Amino acid sequence: MGEEARVSPLKNFVAGGVAGACLLLAGHPLDTIKVRLQTQPKAPCAQYVLYRGTYDCFRKTVTKEGVLGLYKGMGAPLAGVAPMMAISFFGFGLGKQLQQPDPNKPLT
């Protein structure tokens, strides 16, 4: 079996930050649509609602604001999620190194 090198804690930290950003890029548009559906004005009749459903909300948002409209308000979550995931990945890597002094032996 080949010699396994330890993963640098800095690599784990950076990978966690990138993973957090990717998580947010994938999930934020869905969250934006959910919030718009939840906060639309109440209408006395179903005919007068702003959005008829998820797809309708998505279509109207992209038509009126473009694709970037789905990513409105992403700055604050990005400022929290990326560092949180970076610390999580860093802690996982550090914990693994503490549990596995020899990188050639598998964890049990």
PDB file of N, CA and C in Angstrom:
ATOM      1  N   MET A   1       0.844  -1.184   0.000  1.00  0.00           N
ATOM      2  CA  MET A   1       0.000   0.000   0.000  1.00  0.00           C
ATOM      3  C   MET A   1       0.887   1.245   0.000  1.00  0.00           C
ATOM      4  N   GLY A   2       0.498   2.280  -0.723  1.00  0.00           N
ATOM      5  CA  GLY A   2       1.302   3.493  -0.855  1.00  0.00           C
ATOM      6  C   GLY A   2       1.306   4.332   0.412  1.00  0.00           C
ATOM      7  N   GLU A   3       2.265   5.191   0.478  1.00  0.00           N
ATOM      8  CA  GLU A   3       2.408   6.106   1.611  1.00  0.00           C
ATOM      9  C   GLU A   3       1.324   7.178   1.539  1.00  0.00           C
ATOM     10  N   GLU A   4       0.497   7.289   2.569  1.00  0.00           N
ATOM     11  CA  GLU A   4      -0.548   8.310   2.604  1.00  0.00           C
ATOM     12  C   GLU A   4      -0.034   9.545   3.325  1.00  0.00           C
ATOM     13  N   ALA A   5      -0.240  10.680   2.721  1.00  0.00           N
ATOM     14  CA  ALA A   5       0.172  11.936   3.347  1.00  0.00           C
ATOM     15  C   ALA A   5      -1.014  12.511   4.102  1.00  0.00           C
ATOM     16  N   ARG A   6      -0.740  13.168   5.197  1.00  0.00           N
ATOM     17  CA  ARG A   6      -1.799  13.831   5.962  1.00  0.00           C
ATOM     18  C   ARG A   6      -2.296  15.044   5.184  1.00  0.00           C
ATOM     19  N   VAL A   7      -3.574  15.309   5.328  1.00  0.00           N
ATOM     20  CA  VAL A   7      -4.142  16.493   4.693  1.00  0.00           C
ATOM     21  C   VAL A   7      -3.862  17.689   5.596  1.00  0.00           C
ATOM     22  N   SER A   8      -3.374  18.742   5.007  1.00  0.00           N
ATOM     23  CA  SER A   8      -3.043  19.941   5.756  1.00  0.00           C
ATOM     24  C   SER A   8      -4.300  20.543   6.393  1.00  0.00           C
ATOM     25  N   PRO A   9      -4.207  21.021   7.636  1.00  0.00           N
ATOM     26  CA  PRO A   9      -5.357  21.680   8.256  1.00  0.00           C
ATOM     27  C   PRO A   9      -5.832  22.898   7.450  1.00  0.00           C
ATOM     28  N   LEU A  10      -4.904  23.577   6.801  1.00  0.00           N
ATOM     29  CA  LEU A  10      -5.280  24.723   5.968  1.00  0.00           C
ATOM     30  C   LEU A  10      -6.126  24.272   4.777  1.00  0.00           C
ATOM     31  N   LYS A  11      -5.759  23.132   4.176  1.00  0.00           N
ATOM     32  CA  LYS A  11      -6.558  22.598   3.062  1.00  0.00           C
ATOM     33  C   LYS A  11      -7.967  22.259   3.536  1.00  0.00           C
ATOM     34  N   ASN A  12      -8.081  21.649   4.716  1.00  0.00           N
ATOM     35  CA  ASN A  12      -9.400  21.332   5.269  1.00  0.00           C
ATOM     36  C   ASN A  12     -10.206  22.608   5.491  1.00  0.00           C
ATOM     37  N   PHE A  13      -9.557  23.631   6.004  1.00  0.00           N
ATOM     38  CA  PHE A  13     -10.231  24.904   6.279  1.00  0.00           C
ATOM     39  C   PHE A  13     -10.740  25.538   4.990  1.00  0.00           C
ATOM     40  N   VAL A  14      -9.888  25.590   3.969  1.00  0.00           N
ATOM     41  CA  VAL A  14     -10.265  26.186   2.682  1.00  0.00           C
ATOM     42  C   VAL A  14     -11.360  25.344   2.012  1.00  0.00           C
ATOM     43  N   ALA A  15     -11.211  24.017   2.061  1.00  0.00           N
ATOM     44  CA  ALA A  15     -12.223  23.140   1.458  1.00  0.00           C
ATOM     45  C   ALA A  15     -13.571  23.340   2.134  1.00  0.00           C
ATOM     46  N   GLY A  16     -13.578  23.532   3.438  1.00  0.00           N
ATOM     47  CA  GLY A  16     -14.825  23.784   4.157  1.00  0.00           C
ATOM     48  C   GLY A  16     -15.464  25.095   3.737  1.00  0.00           C
ATOM     49  N   GLY A  17     -14.657  26.122   3.564  1.00  0.00           N
ATOM     50  CA  GLY A  17     -15.181  27.413   3.116  1.00  0.00           C
ATOM     51  C   GLY A  17     -15.791  27.324   1.730  1.00  0.00           C
ATOM     52  N   VAL A  18     -15.119  26.617   0.828  1.00  0.00           N
ATOM     53  CA  VAL A  18     -15.637  26.437  -0.532  1.00  0.00           C
ATOM     54  C   VAL A  18     -16.913  25.597  -0.488  1.00  0.00           C
ATOM     55  N   ALA A  19     -16.929  24.556   0.337  1.00  0.00           N
ATOM     56  CA  ALA A  19     -18.123  23.713   0.461  1.00  0.00           C
ATOM     57  C   ALA A  19     -19.312  24.518   0.981  1.00  0.00           C
ATOM     58  N   GLY A  20     -19.065  25.393   1.942  1.00  0.00           N
ATOM     59  CA  GLY A  20     -20.136  26.240   2.470  1.00  0.00           C
ATOM     60  C   GLY A  20     -20.691  27.175   1.406  1.00  0.00           C
ATOM     61  N   ALA A  21     -19.802  27.734   0.590  1.00  0.00           N
ATOM     62  CA  ALA A  21     -20.250  28.621  -0.489  1.00  0.00           C
ATOM     63  C   ALA A  21     -21.060  27.843  -1.529  1.00  0.00           C
ATOM     64  N   CYS A  22     -20.614  26.630  -1.874  1.00  0.00           N
ATOM     65  CA  CYS A  22     -21.350  25.799  -2.836  1.00  0.00           C
ATOM     66  C   CYS A  22     -22.717  25.407  -2.287  1.00  0.00           C
ATOM     67  N   LEU A  23     -22.759  25.090  -1.015  1.00  0.00           N
ATOM     68  CA  LEU A  23     -24.031  24.756  -0.371  1.00  0.00           C
ATOM     69  C   LEU A  23     -25.013  25.911  -0.494  1.00  0.00           C
ATOM     70  N   LEU A  24     -24.533  27.093  -0.257  1.00  0.00           N
ATOM     71  CA  LEU A  24     -25.389  28.272  -0.332  1.00  0.00           C
ATOM     72  C   LEU A  24     -25.800  28.578  -1.776  1.00  0.00           C
ATOM     73  N   LEU A  25     -24.876  28.427  -2.711  1.00  0.00           N
ATOM     74  CA  LEU A  25     -25.208  28.668  -4.126  1.00  0.00           C
ATOM     75  C   LEU A  25     -26.300  27.714  -4.609  1.00  0.00           C
ATOM     76  N   ALA A  26     -26.291  26.496  -4.109  1.00  0.00           N
ATOM     77  CA  ALA A  26     -27.295  25.516  -4.532  1.00  0.00           C
ATOM     78  C   ALA A  26     -28.636  25.740  -3.838  1.00  0.00           C
ATOM     79  N   GLY A  27     -28.616  26.113  -2.574  1.00  0.00           N
ATOM     80  CA  GLY A  27     -29.843  26.183  -1.801  1.00  0.00           C
ATOM     81  C   GLY A  27     -30.521  27.531  -1.705  1.00  0.00           C
ATOM     82  N   HIS A  28     -29.784  28.607  -1.908  1.00  0.00           N
ATOM     83  CA  HIS A  28     -30.355  29.939  -1.704  1.00  0.00           C
ATOM     84  C   HIS A  28     -31.521  30.260  -2.649  1.00  0.00           C
ATOM     85  N   PRO A  29     -31.463  29.896  -3.929  1.00  0.00           N
ATOM     86  CA  PRO A  29     -32.624  30.189  -4.788  1.00  0.00           C
ATOM     87  C   PRO A  29     -33.912  29.543  -4.280  1.00  0.00           C
ATOM     88  N   LEU A  30     -33.816  28.324  -3.768  1.00  0.00           N
ATOM     89  CA  LEU A  30     -34.998  27.655  -3.227  1.00  0.00           C
ATOM     90  C   LEU A  30     -35.506  28.374  -1.983  1.00  0.00           C
ATOM     91  N   ASP A  31     -34.586  28.845  -1.167  1.00  0.00           N
ATOM     92  CA  ASP A  31     -34.969  29.582   0.032  1.00  0.00           C
ATOM     93  C   ASP A  31     -35.629  30.912  -0.341  1.00  0.00           C
ATOM     94  N   THR A  32     -35.101  31.568  -1.358  1.00  0.00           N
ATOM     95  CA  THR A  32     -35.683  32.833  -1.823  1.00  0.00           C
ATOM     96  C   THR A  32     -37.126  32.620  -2.274  1.00  0.00           C
ATOM     97  N   ILE A  33     -37.357  31.579  -3.050  1.00  0.00           N
ATOM     98  CA  ILE A  33     -38.711  31.279  -3.520  1.00  0.00           C
ATOM     99  C   ILE A  33     -39.623  30.966  -2.337  1.00  0.00           C
ATOM    100  N   LYS A  34     -39.141  30.176  -1.393  1.00  0.00           N
ATOM    101  CA  LYS A  34     -39.943  29.822  -0.216  1.00  0.00           C
ATOM    102  C   LYS A  34     -40.350  31.071   0.564  1.00  0.00           C
ATOM    103  N   VAL A  35     -39.419  31.965   0.781  1.00  0.00           N
ATOM    104  CA  VAL A  35     -39.713  33.186   1.536  1.00  0.00           C
ATOM    105  C   VAL A  35     -40.697  34.067   0.782  1.00  0.00           C
ATOM    106  N   ARG A  36     -40.538  34.180  -0.529  1.00  0.00           N
ATOM    107  CA  ARG A  36     -41.482  34.993  -1.314  1.00  0.00           C
ATOM    108  C   ARG A  36     -42.889  34.418  -1.271  1.00  0.00           C
ATOM    109  N   LEU A  37     -42.997  33.099  -1.299  1.00  0.00           N
ATOM    110  CA  LEU A  37     -44.315  32.476  -1.202  1.00  0.00           C
ATOM    111  C   LEU A  37     -44.930  32.698   0.180  1.00  0.00           C
ATOM    112  N   GLN A  38     -44.109  32.625   1.217  1.00  0.00           N
ATOM    113  CA  GLN A  38     -44.613  32.786   2.579  1.00  0.00           C
ATOM    114  C   GLN A  38     -45.008  34.223   2.893  1.00  0.00           C
ATOM    115  N   THR A  39     -44.358  35.175   2.261  1.00  0.00           N
ATOM    116  CA  THR A  39     -44.601  36.580   2.603  1.00  0.00           C
ATOM    117  C   THR A  39     -45.465  37.319   1.587  1.00  0.00           C
ATOM    118  N   GLN A  40     -46.010  36.616   0.609  1.00  0.00           N
ATOM    119  CA  GLN A  40     -46.879  37.313  -0.346  1.00  0.00           C
ATOM    120  C   GLN A  40     -48.139  37.797   0.364  1.00  0.00           C
ATOM    121  N   PRO A  41     -48.676  38.914  -0.097  1.00  0.00           N
ATOM    122  CA  PRO A  41     -49.868  39.463   0.559  1.00  0.00           C
ATOM    123  C   PRO A  41     -51.040  38.489   0.487  1.00  0.00           C
ATOM    124  N   LYS A  42     -51.817  38.468   1.547  1.00  0.00           N
ATOM    125  CA  LYS A  42     -53.015  37.620   1.573  1.00  0.00           C
ATOM    126  C   LYS A  42     -54.064  38.219   0.636  1.00  0.00           C
ATOM    127  N   ALA A  43     -54.690  37.374  -0.130  1.00  0.00           N
ATOM    128  CA  ALA A  43     -55.721  37.832  -1.056  1.00  0.00           C
ATOM    129  C   ALA A  43     -57.066  37.247  -0.628  1.00  0.00           C
ATOM    130  N   PRO A  44     -58.140  38.002  -0.820  1.00  0.00           N
ATOM    131  CA  PRO A  44     -59.452  37.488  -0.420  1.00  0.00           C
ATOM    132  C   PRO A  44     -59.890  36.300  -1.285  1.00  0.00           C
ATOM    133  N   CYS A  45     -59.337  36.213  -2.464  1.00  0.00           N
ATOM    134  CA  CYS A  45     -59.739  35.164  -3.397  1.00  0.00           C
ATOM    135  C   CYS A  45     -58.472  34.574  -4.031  1.00  0.00           C
ATOM    136  N   ALA A  46     -58.495  33.295  -4.349  1.00  0.00           N
ATOM    137  CA  ALA A  46     -57.321  32.631  -4.933  1.00  0.00           C
ATOM    138  C   ALA A  46     -56.926  33.228  -6.281  1.00  0.00           C
ATOM    139  N   GLN A  47     -57.864  33.905  -6.949  1.00  0.00           N
ATOM    140  CA  GLN A  47     -57.554  34.503  -8.248  1.00  0.00           C
ATOM    141  C   GLN A  47     -56.556  35.648  -8.133  1.00  0.00           C
ATOM    142  N   TYR A  48     -56.495  36.312  -6.994  1.00  0.00           N
ATOM    143  CA  TYR A  48     -55.713  37.532  -6.860  1.00  0.00           C
ATOM    144  C   TYR A  48     -54.385  37.351  -6.128  1.00  0.00           C
ATOM    145  N   VAL A  49     -53.938  36.125  -5.932  1.00  0.00           N
ATOM    146  CA  VAL A  49     -52.651  35.929  -5.269  1.00  0.00           C
ATOM    147  C   VAL A  49     -51.515  36.323  -6.218  1.00  0.00           C
ATOM    148  N   LEU A  50     -50.413  36.730  -5.638  1.00  0.00           N
ATOM    149  CA  LEU A  50     -49.266  37.155  -6.432  1.00  0.00           C
ATOM    150  C   LEU A  50     -48.607  35.967  -7.131  1.00  0.00           C
ATOM    151  N   TYR A  51     -48.415  34.880  -6.394  1.00  0.00           N
ATOM    152  CA  TYR A  51     -47.808  33.667  -6.953  1.00  0.00           C
ATOM    153  C   TYR A  51     -48.768  32.498  -6.747  1.00  0.00           C
ATOM    154  N   ARG A  52     -48.996  31.718  -7.802  1.00  0.00           N
ATOM    155  CA  ARG A  52     -49.901  30.575  -7.701  1.00  0.00           C
ATOM    156  C   ARG A  52     -49.216  29.331  -7.157  1.00  0.00           C
ATOM    157  N   GLY A  53     -47.884  29.314  -7.156  1.00  0.00           N
ATOM    158  CA  GLY A  53     -47.150  28.158  -6.664  1.00  0.00           C
ATOM    159  C   GLY A  53     -45.655  28.366  -6.809  1.00  0.00           C
ATOM    160  N   THR A  54     -44.903  27.314  -6.537  1.00  0.00           N
ATOM    161  CA  THR A  54     -43.441  27.390  -6.561  1.00  0.00           C
ATOM    162  C   THR A  54     -42.911  27.738  -7.952  1.00  0.00           C
ATOM    163  N   TYR A  55     -43.377  27.006  -8.951  1.00  0.00           N
ATOM    164  CA  TYR A  55     -42.881  27.258 -10.306  1.00  0.00           C
ATOM    165  C   TYR A  55     -43.273  28.652 -10.790  1.00  0.00           C
ATOM    166  N   ASP A  56     -44.494  29.077 -10.459  1.00  0.00           N
ATOM    167  CA  ASP A  56     -44.943  30.409 -10.862  1.00  0.00           C
ATOM    168  C   ASP A  56     -44.077  31.492 -10.221  1.00  0.00           C
ATOM    169  N   CYS A  57     -43.747  31.312  -8.961  1.00  0.00           N
ATOM    170  CA  CYS A  57     -42.872  32.264  -8.254  1.00  0.00           C
ATOM    171  C   CYS A  57     -41.490  32.294  -8.907  1.00  0.00           C
ATOM    172  N   PHE A  58     -40.943  31.108  -9.199  1.00  0.00           N
ATOM    173  CA  PHE A  58     -39.642  31.017  -9.859  1.00  0.00           C
ATOM    174  C   PHE A  58     -39.659  31.742 -11.204  1.00  0.00           C
ATOM    175  N   ARG A  59     -40.676  31.447 -12.027  1.00  0.00           N
ATOM    176  CA  ARG A  59     -40.786  32.027 -13.364  1.00  0.00           C
ATOM    177  C   ARG A  59     -40.924  33.547 -13.303  1.00  0.00           C
ATOM    178  N   LYS A  60     -41.771  34.047 -12.410  1.00  0.00           N
ATOM    179  CA  LYS A  60     -41.969  35.501 -12.320  1.00  0.00           C
ATOM    180  C   LYS A  60     -40.721  36.200 -11.789  1.00  0.00           C
ATOM    181  N   THR A  61     -40.034  35.574 -10.854  1.00  0.00           N
ATOM    182  CA  THR A  61     -38.809  36.177 -10.319  1.00  0.00           C
ATOM    183  C   THR A  61     -37.742  36.282 -11.396  1.00  0.00           C
ATOM    184  N   VAL A  62     -37.537  35.208 -12.131  1.00  0.00           N
ATOM    185  CA  VAL A  62     -36.509  35.215 -13.184  1.00  0.00           C
ATOM    186  C   VAL A  62     -36.901  36.174 -14.306  1.00  0.00           C
ATOM    187  N   THR A  63     -38.188  36.243 -14.636  1.00  0.00           N
ATOM    188  CA  THR A  63     -38.642  37.151 -15.702  1.00  0.00           C
ATOM    189  C   THR A  63     -38.440  38.614 -15.316  1.00  0.00           C
ATOM    190  N   LYS A  64     -38.813  38.968 -14.082  1.00  0.00           N
ATOM    191  CA  LYS A  64     -38.745  40.371 -13.661  1.00  0.00           C
ATOM    192  C   LYS A  64     -37.349  40.807 -13.228  1.00  0.00           C
ATOM    193  N   GLU A  65     -36.603  39.921 -12.562  1.00  0.00           N
ATOM    194  CA  GLU A  65     -35.327  40.329 -11.965  1.00  0.00           C
ATOM    195  C   GLU A  65     -34.114  39.614 -12.542  1.00  0.00           C
ATOM    196  N   GLY A  66     -34.325  38.644 -13.391  1.00  0.00           N
ATOM    197  CA  GLY A  66     -33.215  37.863 -13.918  1.00  0.00           C
ATOM    198  C   GLY A  66     -32.817  36.774 -12.922  1.00  0.00           C
ATOM    199  N   VAL A  67     -31.876  35.954 -13.334  1.00  0.00           N
ATOM    200  CA  VAL A  67     -31.436  34.841 -12.477  1.00  0.00           C
ATOM    201  C   VAL A  67     -30.836  35.362 -11.166  1.00  0.00           C
ATOM    202  N   LEU A  68     -30.190  36.517 -11.210  1.00  0.00           N
ATOM    203  CA  LEU A  68     -29.585  37.065  -9.990  1.00  0.00           C
ATOM    204  C   LEU A  68     -30.631  37.442  -8.941  1.00  0.00           C
ATOM    205  N   GLY A  69     -31.878  37.607  -9.355  1.00  0.00           N
ATOM    206  CA  GLY A  69     -32.946  37.880  -8.402  1.00  0.00           C
ATOM    207  C   GLY A  69     -33.155  36.737  -7.428  1.00  0.00           C
ATOM    208  N   LEU A  70     -32.781  35.529  -7.826  1.00  0.00           N
ATOM    209  CA  LEU A  70     -32.893  34.369  -6.941  1.00  0.00           C
ATOM    210  C   LEU A  70     -31.824  34.390  -5.852  1.00  0.00           C
ATOM    211  N   TYR A  71     -30.777  35.169  -6.074  1.00  0.00           N
ATOM    212  CA  TYR A  71     -29.657  35.218  -5.132  1.00  0.00           C
ATOM    213  C   TYR A  71     -29.644  36.494  -4.298  1.00  0.00           C
ATOM    214  N   LYS A  72     -30.739  37.255  -4.314  1.00  0.00           N
ATOM    215  CA  LYS A  72     -30.801  38.474  -3.497  1.00  0.00           C
ATOM    216  C   LYS A  72     -30.662  38.120  -2.025  1.00  0.00           C
ATOM    217  N   GLY A  73     -29.915  38.928  -1.312  1.00  0.00           N
ATOM    218  CA  GLY A  73     -29.775  38.727   0.127  1.00  0.00           C
ATOM    219  C   GLY A  73     -28.856  37.586   0.503  1.00  0.00           C
ATOM    220  N   MET A  74     -27.974  37.185  -0.386  1.00  0.00           N
ATOM    221  CA  MET A  74     -27.099  36.047  -0.113  1.00  0.00           C
ATOM    222  C   MET A  74     -25.847  36.429   0.673  1.00  0.00           C
ATOM    223  N   GLY A  75     -25.542  37.704   0.766  1.00  0.00           N
ATOM    224  CA  GLY A  75     -24.304  38.131   1.430  1.00  0.00           C
ATOM    225  C   GLY A  75     -24.222  37.730   2.889  1.00  0.00           C
ATOM    226  N   ALA A  76     -25.277  37.997   3.642  1.00  0.00           N
ATOM    227  CA  ALA A  76     -25.254  37.677   5.076  1.00  0.00           C
ATOM    228  C   ALA A  76     -25.154  36.173   5.337  1.00  0.00           C
ATOM    229  N   PRO A  77     -25.950  35.331   4.673  1.00  0.00           N
ATOM    230  CA  PRO A  77     -25.776  33.893   4.902  1.00  0.00           C
ATOM    231  C   PRO A  77     -24.393  33.392   4.481  1.00  0.00           C
ATOM    232  N   LEU A  78     -23.851  33.952   3.411  1.00  0.00           N
ATOM    233  CA  LEU A  78     -22.525  33.528   2.958  1.00  0.00           C
ATOM    234  C   LEU A  78     -21.469  33.882   4.000  1.00  0.00           C
ATOM    235  N   ALA A  79     -21.627  35.031   4.631  1.00  0.00           N
ATOM    236  CA  ALA A  79     -20.672  35.456   5.657  1.00  0.00           C
ATOM    237  C   ALA A  79     -20.728  34.542   6.883  1.00  0.00           C
ATOM    238  N   GLY A  80     -21.830  33.830   7.073  1.00  0.00           N
ATOM    239  CA  GLY A  80     -21.949  32.925   8.213  1.00  0.00           C
ATOM    240  C   GLY A  80     -21.687  31.474   7.877  1.00  0.00           C
ATOM    241  N   VAL A  81     -22.180  31.013   6.726  1.00  0.00           N
ATOM    242  CA  VAL A  81     -22.089  29.595   6.380  1.00  0.00           C
ATOM    243  C   VAL A  81     -20.669  29.194   5.997  1.00  0.00           C
ATOM    244  N   ALA A  82     -19.990  30.000   5.200  1.00  0.00           N
ATOM    245  CA  ALA A  82     -18.640  29.633   4.753  1.00  0.00           C
ATOM    246  C   ALA A  82     -17.679  29.469   5.932  1.00  0.00           C
ATOM    247  N   PRO A  83     -17.597  30.419   6.867  1.00  0.00           N
ATOM    248  CA  PRO A  83     -16.702  30.204   8.008  1.00  0.00           C
ATOM    249  C   PRO A  83     -17.141  29.040   8.898  1.00  0.00           C
ATOM    250  N   MET A  84     -18.453  28.842   9.048  1.00  0.00           N
ATOM    251  CA  MET A  84     -18.942  27.747   9.877  1.00  0.00           C
ATOM    252  C   MET A  84     -18.512  26.392   9.292  1.00  0.00           C
ATOM    253  N   MET A  85     -18.662  26.236   7.986  1.00  0.00           N
ATOM    254  CA  MET A  85     -18.259  24.985   7.341  1.00  0.00           C
ATOM    255  C   MET A  85     -16.737  24.834   7.344  1.00  0.00           C
ATOM    256  N   ALA A  86     -16.024  25.945   7.207  1.00  0.00           N
ATOM    257  CA  ALA A  86     -14.564  25.888   7.242  1.00  0.00           C
ATOM    258  C   ALA A  86     -14.091  25.371   8.596  1.00  0.00           C
ATOM    259  N   ILE A  87     -14.677  25.878   9.661  1.00  0.00           N
ATOM    260  CA  ILE A  87     -14.310  25.421  11.007  1.00  0.00           C
ATOM    261  C   ILE A  87     -14.713  23.965  11.208  1.00  0.00           C
ATOM    262  N   SER A  88     -15.838  23.575  10.656  1.00  0.00           N
ATOM    263  CA  SER A  88     -16.300  22.190  10.762  1.00  0.00           C
ATOM    264  C   SER A  88     -15.331  21.229  10.068  1.00  0.00           C
ATOM    265  N   PHE A  89     -14.927  21.553   8.849  1.00  0.00           N
ATOM    266  CA  PHE A  89     -13.971  20.709   8.129  1.00  0.00           C
ATOM    267  C   PHE A  89     -12.628  20.680   8.854  1.00  0.00           C
ATOM    268  N   PHE A  90     -12.199  21.827   9.351  1.00  0.00           N
ATOM    269  CA  PHE A  90     -10.935  21.917  10.084  1.00  0.00           C
ATOM    270  C   PHE A  90     -10.986  21.021  11.317  1.00  0.00           C
ATOM    271  N   GLY A  91     -12.086  21.089  12.057  1.00  0.00           N
ATOM    272  CA  GLY A  91     -12.240  20.271  13.263  1.00  0.00           C
ATOM    273  C   GLY A  91     -12.287  18.788  12.953  1.00  0.00           C
ATOM    274  N   PHE A  92     -12.951  18.424  11.855  1.00  0.00           N
ATOM    275  CA  PHE A  92     -12.991  17.025  11.456  1.00  0.00           C
ATOM    276  C   PHE A  92     -11.592  16.508  11.157  1.00  0.00           C
ATOM    277  N   GLY A  93     -10.827  17.285  10.374  1.00  0.00           N
ATOM    278  CA  GLY A  93      -9.463  16.878  10.030  1.00  0.00           C
ATOM    279  C   GLY A  93      -8.574  16.774  11.255  1.00  0.00           C
ATOM    280  N   LEU A  94      -8.714  17.723  12.155  1.00  0.00           N
ATOM    281  CA  LEU A  94      -7.915  17.702  13.381  1.00  0.00           C
ATOM    282  C   LEU A  94      -8.293  16.502  14.248  1.00  0.00           C
ATOM    283  N   GLY A  95      -9.574  16.251  14.378  1.00  0.00           N
ATOM    284  CA  GLY A  95     -10.029  15.097  15.155  1.00  0.00           C
ATOM    285  C   GLY A  95      -9.556  13.786  14.569  1.00  0.00           C
ATOM    286  N   LYS A  96      -9.567  13.705  13.246  1.00  0.00           N
ATOM    287  CA  LYS A  96      -9.100  12.486  12.581  1.00  0.00           C
ATOM    288  C   LYS A  96      -7.607  12.272  12.841  1.00  0.00           C
ATOM    289  N   GLN A  97      -6.833  13.357  12.806  1.00  0.00           N
ATOM    290  CA  GLN A  97      -5.403  13.229  13.085  1.00  0.00           C
ATOM    291  C   GLN A  97      -5.146  12.794  14.531  1.00  0.00           C
ATOM    292  N   LEU A  98      -5.969  13.275  15.456  1.00  0.00           N
ATOM    293  CA  LEU A  98      -5.808  12.890  16.857  1.00  0.00           C
ATOM    294  C   LEU A  98      -6.184  11.422  17.071  1.00  0.00           C
ATOM    295  N   GLN A  99      -7.169  10.938  16.342  1.00  0.00           N
ATOM    296  CA  GLN A  99      -7.613   9.552  16.471  1.00  0.00           C
ATOM    297  C   GLN A  99      -6.717   8.574  15.715  1.00  0.00           C
ATOM    298  N   GLN A 100      -6.007   9.048  14.717  1.00  0.00           N
ATOM    299  CA  GLN A 100      -5.219   8.195  13.836  1.00  0.00           C
ATOM    300  C   GLN A 100      -3.782   8.703  13.781  1.00  0.00           C
ATOM    301  N   PRO A 101      -2.958   8.341  14.773  1.00  0.00           N
ATOM    302  CA  PRO A 101      -1.568   8.838  14.775  1.00  0.00           C
ATOM    303  C   PRO A 101      -0.762   8.363  13.548  1.00  0.00           C
ATOM    304  N   ASP A 102      -1.055   7.159  13.051  1.00  0.00           N
ATOM    305  CA  ASP A 102      -0.366   6.642  11.878  1.00  0.00           C
ATOM    306  C   ASP A 102      -1.315   6.696  10.691  1.00  0.00           C
ATOM    307  N   PRO A 103      -1.030   7.539   9.684  1.00  0.00           N
ATOM    308  CA  PRO A 103      -1.956   7.664   8.555  1.00  0.00           C
ATOM    309  C   PRO A 103      -2.067   6.412   7.696  1.00  0.00           C
ATOM    310  N   ASN A 104      -1.145   5.444   7.873  1.00  0.00           N
ATOM    311  CA  ASN A 104      -1.200   4.225   7.085  1.00  0.00           C
ATOM    312  C   ASN A 104      -2.156   3.190   7.678  1.00  0.00           C
ATOM    313  N   LYS A 105      -2.546   3.373   8.932  1.00  0.00           N
ATOM    314  CA  LYS A 105      -3.491   2.454   9.561  1.00  0.00           C
ATOM    315  C   LYS A 105      -4.897   3.015   9.434  1.00  0.00           C
ATOM    316  N   PRO A 106      -5.851   2.194   8.981  1.00  0.00           N
ATOM    317  CA  PRO A 106      -7.227   2.701   8.845  1.00  0.00           C
ATOM    318  C   PRO A 106      -7.869   2.911  10.207  1.00  0.00           C
ATOM    319  N   LEU A 107      -8.808   3.850  10.248  1.00  0.00           N
ATOM    320  CA  LEU A 107      -9.556   4.081  11.474  1.00  0.00           C
ATOM    321  C   LEU A 107     -10.516   2.913  11.677  1.00  0.00           C
ATOM    322  N   THR A 108     -10.689   2.508  12.927  1.00  0.00           N
ATOM    323  CA  THR A 108     -11.613   1.397  13.204  1.00  0.00           C
ATOM    324  C   THR A 108     -12.860   1.922  13.882  1.00  0.00           C
TER     325      THR A 108
END
